[in-house]
Protein backbone atom coordinates (compact mmCIF):
# COMPACT_ATOMS: atom_id res chain seq x y z
CA UNK A 1 0.00 0.00 0.00
CA UNK A 2 1.37 3.39 -1.00
CA UNK A 3 1.03 6.48 1.14
CA UNK A 4 0.27 8.75 -1.83
CA UNK A 5 -1.66 8.60 -5.08
CA UNK A 6 0.83 7.55 -7.76
CA UNK A 7 0.47 7.60 -11.55
CA UNK A 8 2.99 5.93 -13.85
CA UNK A 9 2.93 7.28 -17.41
CA UNK A 10 4.26 5.86 -20.68
CA UNK A 11 3.78 2.22 -19.73
CA UNK A 12 4.95 0.13 -22.69
CA UNK A 13 5.54 -3.34 -21.27
CA UNK A 14 4.05 -5.96 -18.99
CA UNK A 15 7.01 -5.85 -16.59
CA UNK A 16 6.33 -2.22 -15.64
CA UNK A 17 2.58 -2.76 -15.52
CA UNK A 18 2.66 -5.79 -13.24
CA UNK A 19 5.34 -4.38 -10.95
CA UNK A 20 3.52 -1.08 -10.52
CA UNK A 21 0.14 -2.72 -9.99
CA UNK A 22 1.67 -5.05 -7.42
CA UNK A 23 3.18 -2.09 -5.56
CA UNK A 24 -0.20 -0.40 -5.32
CA UNK A 25 0.18 2.25 -8.02
CA UNK A 26 -3.27 3.73 -8.56
CA UNK A 27 -3.01 4.80 -12.22
CA UNK A 28 -1.16 3.39 -15.22
CA UNK A 29 -0.96 5.54 -18.35
CA UNK A 30 -0.71 4.30 -21.94
CA UNK A 31 -0.06 6.51 -24.97
CA UNK A 32 -2.72 6.09 -27.66
CA UNK A 33 -1.01 8.48 -30.12
CA UNK A 34 0.42 6.57 -33.08
CA UNK A 35 3.17 9.18 -33.56
CA UNK A 36 4.38 8.84 -29.98
CA UNK A 37 7.54 6.81 -29.24
CA UNK A 38 5.59 5.27 -26.35
CA UNK A 39 2.54 4.33 -28.46
CA UNK A 40 0.70 1.21 -27.39
CA UNK A 41 -1.46 -0.51 -30.00
CA UNK A 42 -4.95 -1.65 -28.97
CA UNK A 43 -3.78 -5.28 -29.16
CA UNK A 44 -0.75 -4.70 -26.94
CA UNK A 45 -2.89 -2.66 -24.55
CA UNK A 46 -5.32 -5.56 -24.31
CA UNK A 47 -2.51 -8.08 -23.78
CA UNK A 48 -0.93 -6.04 -20.96
CA UNK A 49 -4.19 -5.16 -19.22
CA UNK A 50 -5.44 -8.74 -19.23
CA UNK A 51 -2.85 -9.36 -16.48
CA UNK A 52 -3.96 -6.43 -14.34
CA UNK A 53 -6.69 -5.91 -11.76
CA UNK A 54 -7.64 -3.07 -9.46
CA UNK A 55 -5.71 -0.35 -11.29
CA UNK A 56 -7.01 2.78 -13.05
CA UNK A 57 -6.10 2.60 -16.76
CA UNK A 58 -5.41 6.00 -18.33
CA UNK A 59 -5.34 6.80 -22.04
CA UNK A 60 -2.66 9.45 -22.63
CA UNK A 61 -2.89 11.70 -25.68
CA UNK A 62 -1.44 14.96 -26.99
CA UNK A 63 -4.08 15.16 -29.73
CA UNK A 64 -5.74 18.54 -30.16
CA UNK A 65 -8.80 17.22 -32.05
CA UNK A 66 -11.37 16.02 -29.51
CA UNK A 67 -13.24 13.90 -32.04
CA UNK A 68 -10.03 12.09 -32.98
CA UNK A 69 -9.54 11.30 -29.30
CA UNK A 70 -13.08 10.00 -28.98
CA UNK A 71 -12.62 7.83 -32.07
CA UNK A 72 -9.33 6.39 -30.80
CA UNK A 73 -10.80 5.58 -27.40
CA UNK A 74 -13.24 3.16 -28.98
CA UNK A 75 -10.30 0.71 -29.11
CA UNK A 76 -9.10 1.37 -25.55
CA UNK A 77 -11.37 0.43 -22.63
CA UNK A 78 -9.87 2.84 -20.09
CA UNK A 79 -11.04 4.40 -16.84
CA UNK A 80 -9.60 7.91 -17.38
CA UNK A 81 -8.22 10.10 -20.15
CA UNK A 82 -5.20 12.43 -20.00
CA UNK A 83 -5.04 15.39 -22.40
CA UNK A 84 -2.84 18.46 -22.87
CA UNK A 85 -5.31 20.98 -24.34
CA UNK A 86 -7.43 22.66 -21.65
CA UNK A 87 -10.01 23.95 -24.12
CA UNK A 88 -11.20 20.41 -24.87
CA UNK A 89 -11.99 19.46 -21.31
CA UNK A 90 -15.62 20.52 -21.11
CA UNK A 91 -16.52 18.86 -24.41
CA UNK A 92 -14.69 15.63 -23.63
CA UNK A 93 -16.20 15.48 -20.17
CA UNK A 94 -19.71 15.70 -21.61
CA UNK A 95 -19.04 13.25 -24.45
CA UNK A 96 -16.99 10.60 -22.64
CA UNK A 97 -18.32 10.66 -19.10
CA UNK A 98 -14.85 9.65 -17.91
CA UNK A 99 -12.53 11.35 -15.39
CA UNK A 100 -10.02 13.62 -17.09
CA UNK A 101 -6.41 14.47 -16.24
CA UNK A 102 -4.87 17.66 -17.63
CA UNK A 103 -1.13 17.48 -18.29
CA UNK A 104 0.54 20.86 -17.79
CA UNK A 105 4.14 21.33 -18.92
CA UNK A 106 6.33 22.99 -16.32
CA UNK A 107 8.60 23.97 -19.23
CA UNK A 108 5.96 26.12 -20.94
CA UNK A 109 4.16 27.96 -18.15
CA UNK A 110 5.27 30.09 -15.24
CA UNK A 111 3.73 29.82 -11.81
CA UNK A 112 1.03 32.45 -12.29
CA UNK A 113 -0.13 30.82 -15.52
CA UNK A 114 -0.32 27.37 -13.93
CA UNK A 115 -2.36 28.72 -11.03
CA UNK A 116 -4.70 30.43 -13.50
CA UNK A 117 -5.17 27.21 -15.50
CA UNK A 118 -5.90 25.20 -12.37
CA UNK A 119 -8.37 27.78 -11.13
CA UNK A 120 -10.21 27.88 -14.43
CA UNK A 121 -10.46 24.14 -15.03
CA UNK A 122 -10.65 22.80 -11.48
CA UNK A 123 -14.19 21.56 -11.96
CA UNK A 124 -13.38 19.71 -15.17
CA UNK A 125 -10.59 17.37 -14.07
CA UNK A 126 -9.76 14.75 -11.49
CA UNK A 127 -6.05 15.72 -11.46
CA UNK A 128 -3.63 18.29 -12.81
CA UNK A 129 -0.39 16.57 -13.84
CA UNK A 130 2.73 18.75 -13.78
CA UNK A 131 5.53 17.29 -15.90
CA UNK A 132 8.71 18.48 -17.59
CA UNK A 133 10.46 17.22 -20.70
CA UNK A 134 13.52 19.37 -19.96
CA UNK A 135 14.45 17.79 -16.61
CA UNK A 136 13.32 20.82 -14.64
CA UNK A 137 14.43 20.55 -11.01
CA UNK A 138 12.32 21.19 -7.94
CA UNK A 139 13.91 24.42 -6.81
CA UNK A 140 12.76 26.25 -3.70
CA UNK A 141 10.87 28.62 -5.98
CA UNK A 142 8.96 25.65 -7.40
CA UNK A 143 8.35 24.32 -3.90
CA UNK A 144 6.67 27.61 -3.00
CA UNK A 145 4.51 27.34 -6.12
CA UNK A 146 3.52 23.79 -5.20
CA UNK A 147 2.65 24.84 -1.68
CA UNK A 148 -0.16 26.98 -3.08
CA UNK A 149 -1.23 24.58 -5.82
CA UNK A 150 -1.39 21.42 -3.73
CA UNK A 151 -3.40 23.21 -1.03
CA UNK A 152 -6.07 24.18 -3.56
CA UNK A 153 -6.10 21.58 -6.32
CA UNK A 154 -5.58 17.84 -6.94
CA UNK A 155 -2.00 17.86 -8.24
CA UNK A 156 0.34 15.11 -9.40
CA UNK A 157 3.99 16.18 -9.53
CA UNK A 158 6.01 14.45 -12.22
CA UNK A 159 9.30 16.32 -12.41
CA UNK A 160 12.36 16.78 -10.23
CA UNK A 161 11.84 13.38 -8.60
CA UNK A 162 15.32 11.99 -9.13
CA UNK A 163 15.49 9.88 -5.99
CA UNK A 164 13.60 8.74 -2.92
CA UNK A 165 15.03 11.56 -0.81
CA UNK A 166 13.43 14.19 -3.03
CA UNK A 167 10.14 12.31 -3.03
CA UNK A 168 10.18 12.00 0.75
CA UNK A 169 10.84 15.72 1.12
CA UNK A 170 7.98 16.53 -1.25
CA UNK A 171 5.43 14.28 0.45
CA UNK A 172 6.42 15.40 3.94
CA UNK A 173 6.05 19.04 2.99
CA UNK A 174 2.81 18.66 1.02
CA UNK A 175 0.39 16.14 2.54
CA UNK A 176 -2.01 16.28 -0.43
CA UNK A 177 0.46 15.93 -3.28
CA UNK A 178 0.36 13.00 -5.68
CA UNK A 179 3.41 11.56 -7.44
CA UNK A 180 3.84 10.89 -11.16
CA UNK A 181 6.55 8.64 -12.56
CA UNK A 182 7.32 7.33 -16.03
CA UNK A 183 7.77 3.82 -17.31
CA UNK A 184 10.78 2.74 -19.37
CA UNK A 185 11.69 0.07 -21.88
CA UNK A 186 12.61 -3.47 -20.95
CA UNK A 187 16.25 -4.51 -21.34
CA UNK A 188 14.86 -7.57 -23.10
CA UNK A 189 11.39 -9.20 -22.97
CA UNK A 190 10.59 -10.07 -19.40
CA UNK A 191 13.76 -8.49 -17.97
CA UNK A 192 13.67 -5.04 -16.43
CA UNK A 193 15.84 -2.85 -14.23
CA UNK A 194 13.34 -0.74 -12.27
CA UNK A 195 16.09 1.50 -10.91
CA UNK A 196 14.89 4.73 -9.32
CA UNK A 197 11.23 3.77 -9.76
CA UNK A 198 11.71 0.91 -7.32
CA UNK A 199 13.46 3.16 -4.81
CA UNK A 200 10.74 5.80 -5.01
CA UNK A 201 7.82 3.37 -4.74
CA UNK A 202 9.47 1.60 -1.82
CA UNK A 203 9.95 4.99 -0.12
CA UNK A 204 6.21 5.63 -0.55
CA UNK A 205 5.15 2.34 0.98
CA UNK A 206 3.19 2.69 4.20
CA UNK A 207 4.97 1.08 7.10
C-alpha atoms as a PDB file:
ATOM      1  CA  UNK A   1       0.000   0.000   0.000  1.00  0.00           C
ATOM      2  CA  UNK A   2       1.371   3.393  -1.000  1.00  0.00           C
ATOM      3  CA  UNK A   3       1.032   6.482   1.140  1.00  0.00           C
ATOM      4  CA  UNK A   4       0.268   8.748  -1.828  1.00  0.00           C
ATOM      5  CA  UNK A   5      -1.661   8.596  -5.076  1.00  0.00           C
ATOM      6  CA  UNK A   6       0.826   7.553  -7.760  1.00  0.00           C
ATOM      7  CA  UNK A   7       0.468   7.601 -11.548  1.00  0.00           C
ATOM      8  CA  UNK A   8       2.986   5.935 -13.848  1.00  0.00           C
ATOM      9  CA  UNK A   9       2.931   7.278 -17.407  1.00  0.00           C
ATOM     10  CA  UNK A  10       4.259   5.858 -20.678  1.00  0.00           C
ATOM     11  CA  UNK A  11       3.779   2.219 -19.730  1.00  0.00           C
ATOM     12  CA  UNK A  12       4.950   0.128 -22.686  1.00  0.00           C
ATOM     13  CA  UNK A  13       5.543  -3.343 -21.267  1.00  0.00           C
ATOM     14  CA  UNK A  14       4.046  -5.955 -18.993  1.00  0.00           C
ATOM     15  CA  UNK A  15       7.011  -5.852 -16.592  1.00  0.00           C
ATOM     16  CA  UNK A  16       6.331  -2.219 -15.643  1.00  0.00           C
ATOM     17  CA  UNK A  17       2.582  -2.764 -15.524  1.00  0.00           C
ATOM     18  CA  UNK A  18       2.658  -5.790 -13.237  1.00  0.00           C
ATOM     19  CA  UNK A  19       5.340  -4.382 -10.947  1.00  0.00           C
ATOM     20  CA  UNK A  20       3.516  -1.077 -10.517  1.00  0.00           C
ATOM     21  CA  UNK A  21       0.139  -2.719  -9.986  1.00  0.00           C
ATOM     22  CA  UNK A  22       1.673  -5.054  -7.423  1.00  0.00           C
ATOM     23  CA  UNK A  23       3.180  -2.094  -5.558  1.00  0.00           C
ATOM     24  CA  UNK A  24      -0.202  -0.399  -5.319  1.00  0.00           C
ATOM     25  CA  UNK A  25       0.183   2.255  -8.017  1.00  0.00           C
ATOM     26  CA  UNK A  26      -3.272   3.726  -8.558  1.00  0.00           C
ATOM     27  CA  UNK A  27      -3.005   4.802 -12.218  1.00  0.00           C
ATOM     28  CA  UNK A  28      -1.160   3.386 -15.221  1.00  0.00           C
ATOM     29  CA  UNK A  29      -0.957   5.541 -18.350  1.00  0.00           C
ATOM     30  CA  UNK A  30      -0.705   4.304 -21.945  1.00  0.00           C
ATOM     31  CA  UNK A  31      -0.060   6.507 -24.968  1.00  0.00           C
ATOM     32  CA  UNK A  32      -2.721   6.093 -27.660  1.00  0.00           C
ATOM     33  CA  UNK A  33      -1.010   8.476 -30.120  1.00  0.00           C
ATOM     34  CA  UNK A  34       0.421   6.570 -33.083  1.00  0.00           C
ATOM     35  CA  UNK A  35       3.168   9.177 -33.564  1.00  0.00           C
ATOM     36  CA  UNK A  36       4.379   8.844 -29.977  1.00  0.00           C
ATOM     37  CA  UNK A  37       7.541   6.814 -29.237  1.00  0.00           C
ATOM     38  CA  UNK A  38       5.591   5.274 -26.354  1.00  0.00           C
ATOM     39  CA  UNK A  39       2.543   4.332 -28.461  1.00  0.00           C
ATOM     40  CA  UNK A  40       0.700   1.207 -27.392  1.00  0.00           C
ATOM     41  CA  UNK A  41      -1.459  -0.514 -30.000  1.00  0.00           C
ATOM     42  CA  UNK A  42      -4.951  -1.647 -28.972  1.00  0.00           C
ATOM     43  CA  UNK A  43      -3.782  -5.281 -29.165  1.00  0.00           C
ATOM     44  CA  UNK A  44      -0.749  -4.702 -26.937  1.00  0.00           C
ATOM     45  CA  UNK A  45      -2.895  -2.662 -24.549  1.00  0.00           C
ATOM     46  CA  UNK A  46      -5.322  -5.562 -24.306  1.00  0.00           C
ATOM     47  CA  UNK A  47      -2.510  -8.076 -23.779  1.00  0.00           C
ATOM     48  CA  UNK A  48      -0.935  -6.039 -20.958  1.00  0.00           C
ATOM     49  CA  UNK A  49      -4.186  -5.156 -19.218  1.00  0.00           C
ATOM     50  CA  UNK A  50      -5.441  -8.743 -19.226  1.00  0.00           C
ATOM     51  CA  UNK A  51      -2.852  -9.361 -16.485  1.00  0.00           C
ATOM     52  CA  UNK A  52      -3.956  -6.429 -14.338  1.00  0.00           C
ATOM     53  CA  UNK A  53      -6.694  -5.907 -11.764  1.00  0.00           C
ATOM     54  CA  UNK A  54      -7.639  -3.068  -9.456  1.00  0.00           C
ATOM     55  CA  UNK A  55      -5.714  -0.349 -11.285  1.00  0.00           C
ATOM     56  CA  UNK A  56      -7.007   2.778 -13.050  1.00  0.00           C
ATOM     57  CA  UNK A  57      -6.096   2.603 -16.758  1.00  0.00           C
ATOM     58  CA  UNK A  58      -5.411   6.004 -18.328  1.00  0.00           C
ATOM     59  CA  UNK A  59      -5.339   6.800 -22.037  1.00  0.00           C
ATOM     60  CA  UNK A  60      -2.659   9.450 -22.632  1.00  0.00           C
ATOM     61  CA  UNK A  61      -2.892  11.701 -25.677  1.00  0.00           C
ATOM     62  CA  UNK A  62      -1.440  14.958 -26.985  1.00  0.00           C
ATOM     63  CA  UNK A  63      -4.078  15.157 -29.728  1.00  0.00           C
ATOM     64  CA  UNK A  64      -5.744  18.538 -30.162  1.00  0.00           C
ATOM     65  CA  UNK A  65      -8.798  17.223 -32.048  1.00  0.00           C
ATOM     66  CA  UNK A  66     -11.371  16.023 -29.505  1.00  0.00           C
ATOM     67  CA  UNK A  67     -13.241  13.904 -32.044  1.00  0.00           C
ATOM     68  CA  UNK A  68     -10.027  12.094 -32.985  1.00  0.00           C
ATOM     69  CA  UNK A  69      -9.536  11.302 -29.299  1.00  0.00           C
ATOM     70  CA  UNK A  70     -13.077   9.998 -28.976  1.00  0.00           C
ATOM     71  CA  UNK A  71     -12.622   7.825 -32.074  1.00  0.00           C
ATOM     72  CA  UNK A  72      -9.334   6.395 -30.798  1.00  0.00           C
ATOM     73  CA  UNK A  73     -10.798   5.583 -27.401  1.00  0.00           C
ATOM     74  CA  UNK A  74     -13.242   3.157 -28.983  1.00  0.00           C
ATOM     75  CA  UNK A  75     -10.305   0.715 -29.113  1.00  0.00           C
ATOM     76  CA  UNK A  76      -9.103   1.368 -25.549  1.00  0.00           C
ATOM     77  CA  UNK A  77     -11.370   0.433 -22.631  1.00  0.00           C
ATOM     78  CA  UNK A  78      -9.874   2.841 -20.090  1.00  0.00           C
ATOM     79  CA  UNK A  79     -11.043   4.400 -16.844  1.00  0.00           C
ATOM     80  CA  UNK A  80      -9.597   7.909 -17.377  1.00  0.00           C
ATOM     81  CA  UNK A  81      -8.220  10.102 -20.150  1.00  0.00           C
ATOM     82  CA  UNK A  82      -5.204  12.429 -20.001  1.00  0.00           C
ATOM     83  CA  UNK A  83      -5.040  15.388 -22.398  1.00  0.00           C
ATOM     84  CA  UNK A  84      -2.839  18.455 -22.866  1.00  0.00           C
ATOM     85  CA  UNK A  85      -5.305  20.977 -24.338  1.00  0.00           C
ATOM     86  CA  UNK A  86      -7.434  22.662 -21.652  1.00  0.00           C
ATOM     87  CA  UNK A  87     -10.006  23.953 -24.124  1.00  0.00           C
ATOM     88  CA  UNK A  88     -11.201  20.410 -24.874  1.00  0.00           C
ATOM     89  CA  UNK A  89     -11.995  19.456 -21.307  1.00  0.00           C
ATOM     90  CA  UNK A  90     -15.621  20.519 -21.108  1.00  0.00           C
ATOM     91  CA  UNK A  91     -16.521  18.859 -24.414  1.00  0.00           C
ATOM     92  CA  UNK A  92     -14.686  15.627 -23.627  1.00  0.00           C
ATOM     93  CA  UNK A  93     -16.202  15.479 -20.171  1.00  0.00           C
ATOM     94  CA  UNK A  94     -19.707  15.696 -21.611  1.00  0.00           C
ATOM     95  CA  UNK A  95     -19.040  13.245 -24.450  1.00  0.00           C
ATOM     96  CA  UNK A  96     -16.989  10.602 -22.642  1.00  0.00           C
ATOM     97  CA  UNK A  97     -18.321  10.660 -19.102  1.00  0.00           C
ATOM     98  CA  UNK A  98     -14.847   9.647 -17.908  1.00  0.00           C
ATOM     99  CA  UNK A  99     -12.534  11.349 -15.392  1.00  0.00           C
ATOM    100  CA  UNK A 100     -10.019  13.623 -17.092  1.00  0.00           C
ATOM    101  CA  UNK A 101      -6.408  14.473 -16.244  1.00  0.00           C
ATOM    102  CA  UNK A 102      -4.868  17.661 -17.628  1.00  0.00           C
ATOM    103  CA  UNK A 103      -1.128  17.476 -18.291  1.00  0.00           C
ATOM    104  CA  UNK A 104       0.544  20.865 -17.791  1.00  0.00           C
ATOM    105  CA  UNK A 105       4.141  21.326 -18.919  1.00  0.00           C
ATOM    106  CA  UNK A 106       6.334  22.986 -16.316  1.00  0.00           C
ATOM    107  CA  UNK A 107       8.595  23.970 -19.234  1.00  0.00           C
ATOM    108  CA  UNK A 108       5.963  26.118 -20.945  1.00  0.00           C
ATOM    109  CA  UNK A 109       4.157  27.959 -18.154  1.00  0.00           C
ATOM    110  CA  UNK A 110       5.266  30.087 -15.242  1.00  0.00           C
ATOM    111  CA  UNK A 111       3.730  29.817 -11.809  1.00  0.00           C
ATOM    112  CA  UNK A 112       1.031  32.446 -12.289  1.00  0.00           C
ATOM    113  CA  UNK A 113      -0.125  30.822 -15.519  1.00  0.00           C
ATOM    114  CA  UNK A 114      -0.323  27.375 -13.930  1.00  0.00           C
ATOM    115  CA  UNK A 115      -2.360  28.725 -11.029  1.00  0.00           C
ATOM    116  CA  UNK A 116      -4.702  30.427 -13.501  1.00  0.00           C
ATOM    117  CA  UNK A 117      -5.172  27.208 -15.503  1.00  0.00           C
ATOM    118  CA  UNK A 118      -5.898  25.201 -12.370  1.00  0.00           C
ATOM    119  CA  UNK A 119      -8.367  27.785 -11.130  1.00  0.00           C
ATOM    120  CA  UNK A 120     -10.214  27.882 -14.433  1.00  0.00           C
ATOM    121  CA  UNK A 121     -10.456  24.143 -15.028  1.00  0.00           C
ATOM    122  CA  UNK A 122     -10.645  22.798 -11.483  1.00  0.00           C
ATOM    123  CA  UNK A 123     -14.194  21.558 -11.955  1.00  0.00           C
ATOM    124  CA  UNK A 124     -13.384  19.711 -15.173  1.00  0.00           C
ATOM    125  CA  UNK A 125     -10.592  17.369 -14.074  1.00  0.00           C
ATOM    126  CA  UNK A 126      -9.756  14.747 -11.494  1.00  0.00           C
ATOM    127  CA  UNK A 127      -6.049  15.723 -11.457  1.00  0.00           C
ATOM    128  CA  UNK A 128      -3.631  18.289 -12.812  1.00  0.00           C
ATOM    129  CA  UNK A 129      -0.386  16.565 -13.838  1.00  0.00           C
ATOM    130  CA  UNK A 130       2.725  18.750 -13.784  1.00  0.00           C
ATOM    131  CA  UNK A 131       5.530  17.292 -15.897  1.00  0.00           C
ATOM    132  CA  UNK A 132       8.711  18.482 -17.589  1.00  0.00           C
ATOM    133  CA  UNK A 133      10.460  17.220 -20.703  1.00  0.00           C
ATOM    134  CA  UNK A 134      13.522  19.369 -19.961  1.00  0.00           C
ATOM    135  CA  UNK A 135      14.447  17.786 -16.611  1.00  0.00           C
ATOM    136  CA  UNK A 136      13.323  20.815 -14.638  1.00  0.00           C
ATOM    137  CA  UNK A 137      14.428  20.552 -11.013  1.00  0.00           C
ATOM    138  CA  UNK A 138      12.320  21.193  -7.936  1.00  0.00           C
ATOM    139  CA  UNK A 139      13.914  24.423  -6.807  1.00  0.00           C
ATOM    140  CA  UNK A 140      12.764  26.248  -3.702  1.00  0.00           C
ATOM    141  CA  UNK A 141      10.866  28.615  -5.983  1.00  0.00           C
ATOM    142  CA  UNK A 142       8.958  25.646  -7.396  1.00  0.00           C
ATOM    143  CA  UNK A 143       8.347  24.323  -3.895  1.00  0.00           C
ATOM    144  CA  UNK A 144       6.668  27.606  -2.996  1.00  0.00           C
ATOM    145  CA  UNK A 145       4.508  27.340  -6.118  1.00  0.00           C
ATOM    146  CA  UNK A 146       3.522  23.788  -5.204  1.00  0.00           C
ATOM    147  CA  UNK A 147       2.647  24.839  -1.678  1.00  0.00           C
ATOM    148  CA  UNK A 148      -0.159  26.978  -3.078  1.00  0.00           C
ATOM    149  CA  UNK A 149      -1.226  24.580  -5.825  1.00  0.00           C
ATOM    150  CA  UNK A 150      -1.395  21.424  -3.725  1.00  0.00           C
ATOM    151  CA  UNK A 151      -3.396  23.206  -1.029  1.00  0.00           C
ATOM    152  CA  UNK A 152      -6.071  24.184  -3.555  1.00  0.00           C
ATOM    153  CA  UNK A 153      -6.103  21.585  -6.325  1.00  0.00           C
ATOM    154  CA  UNK A 154      -5.584  17.842  -6.942  1.00  0.00           C
ATOM    155  CA  UNK A 155      -2.002  17.862  -8.236  1.00  0.00           C
ATOM    156  CA  UNK A 156       0.345  15.109  -9.404  1.00  0.00           C
ATOM    157  CA  UNK A 157       3.995  16.182  -9.527  1.00  0.00           C
ATOM    158  CA  UNK A 158       6.008  14.454 -12.220  1.00  0.00           C
ATOM    159  CA  UNK A 159       9.298  16.321 -12.411  1.00  0.00           C
ATOM    160  CA  UNK A 160      12.360  16.782 -10.230  1.00  0.00           C
ATOM    161  CA  UNK A 161      11.838  13.384  -8.601  1.00  0.00           C
ATOM    162  CA  UNK A 162      15.315  11.990  -9.127  1.00  0.00           C
ATOM    163  CA  UNK A 163      15.487   9.881  -5.989  1.00  0.00           C
ATOM    164  CA  UNK A 164      13.604   8.736  -2.921  1.00  0.00           C
ATOM    165  CA  UNK A 165      15.029  11.564  -0.811  1.00  0.00           C
ATOM    166  CA  UNK A 166      13.433  14.189  -3.025  1.00  0.00           C
ATOM    167  CA  UNK A 167      10.135  12.313  -3.032  1.00  0.00           C
ATOM    168  CA  UNK A 168      10.177  12.001   0.754  1.00  0.00           C
ATOM    169  CA  UNK A 169      10.836  15.720   1.115  1.00  0.00           C
ATOM    170  CA  UNK A 170       7.976  16.526  -1.249  1.00  0.00           C
ATOM    171  CA  UNK A 171       5.429  14.282   0.449  1.00  0.00           C
ATOM    172  CA  UNK A 172       6.425  15.396   3.945  1.00  0.00           C
ATOM    173  CA  UNK A 173       6.051  19.043   2.994  1.00  0.00           C
ATOM    174  CA  UNK A 174       2.809  18.658   1.024  1.00  0.00           C
ATOM    175  CA  UNK A 175       0.388  16.137   2.535  1.00  0.00           C
ATOM    176  CA  UNK A 176      -2.014  16.277  -0.427  1.00  0.00           C
ATOM    177  CA  UNK A 177       0.461  15.926  -3.276  1.00  0.00           C
ATOM    178  CA  UNK A 178       0.361  13.002  -5.677  1.00  0.00           C
ATOM    179  CA  UNK A 179       3.408  11.564  -7.440  1.00  0.00           C
ATOM    180  CA  UNK A 180       3.837  10.888 -11.160  1.00  0.00           C
ATOM    181  CA  UNK A 181       6.554   8.642 -12.558  1.00  0.00           C
ATOM    182  CA  UNK A 182       7.322   7.331 -16.033  1.00  0.00           C
ATOM    183  CA  UNK A 183       7.775   3.821 -17.308  1.00  0.00           C
ATOM    184  CA  UNK A 184      10.779   2.742 -19.373  1.00  0.00           C
ATOM    185  CA  UNK A 185      11.689   0.072 -21.878  1.00  0.00           C
ATOM    186  CA  UNK A 186      12.612  -3.470 -20.945  1.00  0.00           C
ATOM    187  CA  UNK A 187      16.253  -4.513 -21.343  1.00  0.00           C
ATOM    188  CA  UNK A 188      14.861  -7.570 -23.098  1.00  0.00           C
ATOM    189  CA  UNK A 189      11.395  -9.195 -22.973  1.00  0.00           C
ATOM    190  CA  UNK A 190      10.589 -10.069 -19.395  1.00  0.00           C
ATOM    191  CA  UNK A 191      13.762  -8.488 -17.970  1.00  0.00           C
ATOM    192  CA  UNK A 192      13.666  -5.038 -16.433  1.00  0.00           C
ATOM    193  CA  UNK A 193      15.836  -2.846 -14.225  1.00  0.00           C
ATOM    194  CA  UNK A 194      13.341  -0.741 -12.266  1.00  0.00           C
ATOM    195  CA  UNK A 195      16.088   1.503 -10.905  1.00  0.00           C
ATOM    196  CA  UNK A 196      14.885   4.727  -9.318  1.00  0.00           C
ATOM    197  CA  UNK A 197      11.231   3.773  -9.761  1.00  0.00           C
ATOM    198  CA  UNK A 198      11.711   0.910  -7.319  1.00  0.00           C
ATOM    199  CA  UNK A 199      13.464   3.163  -4.808  1.00  0.00           C
ATOM    200  CA  UNK A 200      10.739   5.804  -5.010  1.00  0.00           C
ATOM    201  CA  UNK A 201       7.819   3.372  -4.736  1.00  0.00           C
ATOM    202  CA  UNK A 202       9.468   1.603  -1.816  1.00  0.00           C
ATOM    203  CA  UNK A 203       9.951   4.995  -0.124  1.00  0.00           C
ATOM    204  CA  UNK A 204       6.211   5.635  -0.552  1.00  0.00           C
ATOM    205  CA  UNK A 205       5.149   2.337   0.983  1.00  0.00           C
ATOM    206  CA  UNK A 206       3.191   2.689   4.202  1.00  0.00           C
ATOM    207  CA  UNK A 207       4.966   1.084   7.098  1.00  0.00           C
END
